[in-house]
Amino acid sequence: MKSAYDIIIRPIITEQSMEDLDIKKYVFEVARDAGKIEIKNAVEEIFGVKVIKVTTCHVRGKEKRLGAQPKGRTASWKKAVVKLSQDSKNIEIFEGMA
């Protein structure tokens, strides 16, 4: 069984993800084999918040070239958007970023 810290890899901090902080939506990179229920339980355990919805998507790696070398690919990964309940507290990692 994986721990919560094996499921949640890192927060995604971009302009688009920062726009949804006021409606309590947070974006994380998660383990590729993690399900929505596992992600929900991991976020609730790590941050002590109440999750009401989790949406996930697979992000495919992009083709890249390095000079004259043949094409390669960046790694594929999984993204999770987590929506918190209105009475839940904010996640401290994202404080001061927006």
Protein backbone atom coordinates (compact mmCIF):
# COMPACT_ATOMS: atom_id res chain seq x y z
CA MET A 1 0.00 0.00 0.00
CA LYS A 2 1.31 3.42 -0.94
CA SER A 3 1.63 6.25 1.53
CA ALA A 4 -0.04 9.59 0.90
CA TYR A 5 3.34 11.12 0.05
CA ASP A 6 3.89 8.52 -2.70
CA ILE A 7 0.57 9.47 -4.32
CA ILE A 8 0.92 13.29 -4.24
CA ILE A 9 4.18 14.11 -6.04
CA ARG A 10 4.16 17.92 -6.22
CA PRO A 11 1.84 20.92 -6.57
CA ILE A 12 1.47 22.49 -10.02
CA ILE A 13 2.02 26.25 -9.77
CA THR A 14 1.11 28.00 -13.03
CA GLU A 15 -0.90 31.08 -13.94
CA GLN A 16 -3.88 28.97 -14.93
CA SER A 17 -3.85 26.94 -11.70
CA MET A 18 -3.49 30.10 -9.58
CA GLU A 19 -6.67 31.62 -11.07
CA ASP A 20 -8.82 28.92 -9.43
CA LEU A 21 -7.51 29.37 -5.88
CA ASP A 22 -10.42 31.66 -4.95
CA ILE A 23 -12.90 28.84 -5.69
CA LYS A 24 -10.67 26.37 -3.78
CA LYS A 25 -9.39 24.33 -6.72
CA TYR A 26 -5.83 23.05 -6.41
CA VAL A 27 -3.71 21.21 -8.98
CA PHE A 28 -1.20 18.44 -8.18
CA GLU A 29 1.01 16.01 -10.06
CA VAL A 30 0.10 12.55 -8.82
CA ALA A 31 1.29 8.97 -9.29
CA ARG A 32 0.24 7.54 -12.65
CA ASP A 33 -1.47 4.53 -11.12
CA ALA A 34 -3.36 6.47 -8.41
CA GLY A 35 -7.17 6.51 -8.52
CA LYS A 36 -9.49 9.35 -7.56
CA ILE A 37 -10.36 7.88 -4.16
CA GLU A 38 -6.66 7.39 -3.32
CA ILE A 39 -5.91 10.99 -4.35
CA LYS A 40 -8.80 12.30 -2.24
CA ASN A 41 -7.66 10.36 0.83
CA ALA A 42 -4.04 11.45 0.35
CA VAL A 43 -4.91 15.18 0.10
CA GLU A 44 -7.19 14.96 3.14
CA GLU A 45 -4.47 13.17 5.13
CA ILE A 46 -1.58 15.46 4.18
CA PHE A 47 -3.29 18.85 4.36
CA GLY A 48 -6.19 18.20 6.77
CA VAL A 49 -8.90 19.50 4.42
CA LYS A 50 -12.26 18.21 3.11
CA VAL A 51 -12.23 17.24 -0.60
CA ILE A 52 -15.53 17.20 -2.48
CA LYS A 53 -14.36 16.48 -6.05
CA VAL A 54 -11.30 15.13 -7.87
CA THR A 55 -10.76 15.23 -11.62
CA THR A 56 -7.74 13.64 -13.27
CA CYS A 57 -6.10 13.63 -16.68
CA HIS A 58 -3.03 12.08 -18.26
CA VAL A 59 -0.56 14.59 -19.73
CA ARG A 60 1.36 13.10 -22.63
CA GLY A 61 5.05 13.85 -23.03
CA LYS A 62 6.09 16.20 -25.79
CA GLU A 63 8.56 15.46 -28.55
CA LYS A 64 11.80 17.38 -28.09
CA ARG A 65 15.01 17.71 -30.07
CA LEU A 66 18.48 18.53 -28.85
CA GLY A 67 20.46 19.96 -31.75
CA ALA A 68 21.20 17.35 -34.41
CA GLN A 69 20.22 14.46 -32.16
CA PRO A 70 17.16 12.35 -33.00
CA LYS A 71 13.85 13.17 -31.40
CA GLY A 72 13.14 12.23 -27.82
CA ARG A 73 10.16 12.61 -25.53
CA THR A 74 9.61 14.25 -22.19
CA ALA A 75 8.03 12.06 -19.54
CA SER A 76 4.27 11.54 -19.41
CA TRP A 77 2.56 12.27 -16.09
CA LYS A 78 -0.84 12.46 -14.39
CA LYS A 79 -2.53 15.64 -13.17
CA ALA A 80 -5.27 15.91 -10.54
CA VAL A 81 -7.51 18.93 -9.91
CA VAL A 82 -8.86 18.84 -6.36
CA LYS A 83 -11.89 20.91 -5.29
CA LEU A 84 -12.30 21.61 -1.57
CA SER A 85 -15.50 22.29 0.34
CA GLN A 86 -16.35 25.93 1.14
CA ASP A 87 -15.93 25.47 4.91
CA SER A 88 -12.51 23.83 4.46
CA LYS A 89 -9.31 25.75 5.16
CA ASN A 90 -6.91 26.74 2.36
CA ILE A 91 -3.78 24.73 1.55
CA GLU A 92 -0.73 26.57 2.88
CA ILE A 93 1.61 25.65 -0.01
CA PHE A 94 -0.34 27.90 -2.36
CA GLU A 95 -0.60 30.86 0.05
CA GLY A 96 1.17 34.00 -1.19
CA MET A 97 1.61 32.64 -4.73
CA ALA A 98 -1.37 34.36 -6.33
